[in-house]
Amino acid sequence: MDFQHQDNRITLLDGPEELGFVSYQENGDVLTIDHTEVAPKLSGQGMGKQLVGKLVEHARNDGKSLDPQCPYAKTVIERTEEYQDVLAK
């Protein structure tokens, strides 16, 4: 499986098949996470958390912070101590 970042969206791909994504809106130095979705067949396998992690990595690399409006992404970020540094103040 591969991750592809394009057009304010990080997508989880298995060949040509899209299995999940996390999307965001960019507003200056803040990326607002608006949706995270994973195919039902991958439910419970940590793929959603990996998608959020990829977005955290992207925010860090670009010197941006995250505003997780998506309930799933918000829970992942709040429960993962090493992600706290990217939360928008």
C-alpha atoms as a PDB file:
ATOM      1  CA  MET A   1       0.000   0.000   0.000  1.00  0.00           C
ATOM      2  CA  ASP A   2       1.131   3.499  -0.809  1.00  0.00           C
ATOM      3  CA  PHE A   3       0.290   6.997   0.358  1.00  0.00           C
ATOM      4  CA  GLN A   4      -0.196   9.806  -2.157  1.00  0.00           C
ATOM      5  CA  HIS A   5      -0.427  13.501  -1.222  1.00  0.00           C
ATOM      6  CA  GLN A   6      -2.224  15.717  -3.696  1.00  0.00           C
ATOM      7  CA  ASP A   7      -4.730  18.579  -3.614  1.00  0.00           C
ATOM      8  CA  ASN A   8      -5.137  18.905   0.185  1.00  0.00           C
ATOM      9  CA  ARG A   9      -5.634  15.184   0.553  1.00  0.00           C
ATOM     10  CA  ILE A  10      -3.495  12.205   1.553  1.00  0.00           C
ATOM     11  CA  THR A  11      -4.800   9.021  -0.010  1.00  0.00           C
ATOM     12  CA  LEU A  12      -4.101   5.378   0.853  1.00  0.00           C
ATOM     13  CA  LEU A  13      -3.799   3.341  -2.338  1.00  0.00           C
ATOM     14  CA  ASP A  14      -3.491  -0.350  -3.107  1.00  0.00           C
ATOM     15  CA  GLY A  15      -2.437  -0.181  -6.741  1.00  0.00           C
ATOM     16  CA  PRO A  16      -5.160   1.865  -8.434  1.00  0.00           C
ATOM     17  CA  GLU A  17      -7.704   1.242  -5.650  1.00  0.00           C
ATOM     18  CA  GLU A  18      -8.333   4.030  -3.131  1.00  0.00           C
ATOM     19  CA  LEU A  19      -8.725   2.524   0.331  1.00  0.00           C
ATOM     20  CA  GLY A  20      -8.846   5.649   2.457  1.00  0.00           C
ATOM     21  CA  PHE A  21      -7.984   9.316   2.765  1.00  0.00           C
ATOM     22  CA  VAL A  22      -7.600  12.262   5.094  1.00  0.00           C
ATOM     23  CA  SER A  23      -8.500  15.693   3.718  1.00  0.00           C
ATOM     24  CA  TYR A  24      -7.856  19.208   4.944  1.00  0.00           C
ATOM     25  CA  GLN A  25      -8.301  22.880   4.138  1.00  0.00           C
ATOM     26  CA  GLU A  26      -5.311  25.185   4.221  1.00  0.00           C
ATOM     27  CA  ASN A  27      -5.670  28.598   5.851  1.00  0.00           C
ATOM     28  CA  GLY A  28      -2.292  30.283   6.171  1.00  0.00           C
ATOM     29  CA  ASP A  29      -0.218  28.292   8.645  1.00  0.00           C
ATOM     30  CA  VAL A  30      -3.142  26.146   9.804  1.00  0.00           C
ATOM     31  CA  LEU A  31      -4.357  22.955   8.155  1.00  0.00           C
ATOM     32  CA  THR A  32      -7.945  22.183   9.173  1.00  0.00           C
ATOM     33  CA  ILE A  33      -8.596  18.444   8.990  1.00  0.00           C
ATOM     34  CA  ASP A  34     -12.159  17.997   7.760  1.00  0.00           C
ATOM     35  CA  HIS A  35     -12.509  14.277   7.007  1.00  0.00           C
ATOM     36  CA  THR A  36     -10.858  10.902   7.493  1.00  0.00           C
ATOM     37  CA  GLU A  37     -12.218   7.780   5.852  1.00  0.00           C
ATOM     38  CA  VAL A  38     -11.000   4.189   5.462  1.00  0.00           C
ATOM     39  CA  ALA A  39     -12.578   1.323   3.506  1.00  0.00           C
ATOM     40  CA  PRO A  40     -14.654  -0.962   5.755  1.00  0.00           C
ATOM     41  CA  LYS A  41     -12.428  -3.943   4.905  1.00  0.00           C
ATOM     42  CA  LEU A  42      -9.510  -2.145   6.615  1.00  0.00           C
ATOM     43  CA  SER A  43     -11.463  -1.147   9.709  1.00  0.00           C
ATOM     44  CA  GLY A  44      -9.537  -1.714  12.936  1.00  0.00           C
ATOM     45  CA  GLN A  45      -6.163  -2.142  11.225  1.00  0.00           C
ATOM     46  CA  GLY A  46      -4.739   1.281  12.128  1.00  0.00           C
ATOM     47  CA  MET A  47      -4.867   2.685   8.603  1.00  0.00           C
ATOM     48  CA  GLY A  48      -6.807   5.780   9.665  1.00  0.00           C
ATOM     49  CA  LYS A  49      -4.178   6.502  12.296  1.00  0.00           C
ATOM     50  CA  GLN A  50      -1.463   6.111   9.665  1.00  0.00           C
ATOM     51  CA  LEU A  51      -3.240   8.613   7.420  1.00  0.00           C
ATOM     52  CA  VAL A  52      -3.458  11.132  10.266  1.00  0.00           C
ATOM     53  CA  GLY A  53       0.223  10.469  11.021  1.00  0.00           C
ATOM     54  CA  LYS A  54       1.154  11.263   7.421  1.00  0.00           C
ATOM     55  CA  LEU A  55      -0.681  14.585   7.705  1.00  0.00           C
ATOM     56  CA  VAL A  56       1.083  15.334  11.007  1.00  0.00           C
ATOM     57  CA  GLU A  57       4.399  14.674   9.259  1.00  0.00           C
ATOM     58  CA  HIS A  58       3.404  16.962   6.384  1.00  0.00           C
ATOM     59  CA  ALA A  59       2.440  19.758   8.798  1.00  0.00           C
ATOM     60  CA  ARG A  60       5.748  19.465  10.644  1.00  0.00           C
ATOM     61  CA  ASN A  61       7.777  19.504   7.426  1.00  0.00           C
ATOM     62  CA  ASP A  62       5.981  22.650   6.249  1.00  0.00           C
ATOM     63  CA  GLY A  63       6.021  24.424   9.631  1.00  0.00           C
ATOM     64  CA  LYS A  64       2.220  24.348   9.879  1.00  0.00           C
ATOM     65  CA  SER A  65      -0.166  23.450  12.668  1.00  0.00           C
ATOM     66  CA  LEU A  66      -3.308  21.315  12.617  1.00  0.00           C
ATOM     67  CA  ASP A  67      -6.876  22.099  13.601  1.00  0.00           C
ATOM     68  CA  PRO A  68      -8.599  18.686  13.690  1.00  0.00           C
ATOM     69  CA  GLN A  69     -12.300  19.312  13.044  1.00  0.00           C
ATOM     70  CA  CYS A  70     -12.786  15.686  11.978  1.00  0.00           C
ATOM     71  CA  PRO A  71     -13.764  13.767  15.162  1.00  0.00           C
ATOM     72  CA  TYR A  72     -11.596  10.761  14.286  1.00  0.00           C
ATOM     73  CA  ALA A  73      -8.478  12.835  13.559  1.00  0.00           C
ATOM     74  CA  LYS A  74      -9.073  14.887  16.701  1.00  0.00           C
ATOM     75  CA  THR A  75      -9.195  11.733  18.837  1.00  0.00           C
ATOM     76  CA  VAL A  76      -6.033  10.300  17.251  1.00  0.00           C
ATOM     77  CA  ILE A  77      -4.074  13.527  17.726  1.00  0.00           C
ATOM     78  CA  GLU A  78      -5.274  14.076  21.300  1.00  0.00           C
ATOM     79  CA  ARG A  79      -4.391  10.485  22.284  1.00  0.00           C
ATOM     80  CA  THR A  80      -0.961  10.496  20.630  1.00  0.00           C
ATOM     81  CA  GLU A  81       1.477  12.474  22.762  1.00  0.00           C
ATOM     82  CA  GLU A  82       4.067  12.899  19.998  1.00  0.00           C
ATOM     83  CA  TYR A  83       1.458  14.668  17.815  1.00  0.00           C
ATOM     84  CA  GLN A  84       0.702  17.405  20.360  1.00  0.00           C
ATOM     85  CA  ASP A  85       3.338  19.755  18.969  1.00  0.00           C
ATOM     86  CA  VAL A  86       1.375  20.335  15.760  1.00  0.00           C
ATOM     87  CA  LEU A  87      -1.948  21.275  17.360  1.00  0.00           C
ATOM     88  CA  ALA A  88      -3.085  24.794  16.518  1.00  0.00           C
ATOM     89  CA  LYS A  89      -3.157  27.030  19.582  1.00  0.00           C
END
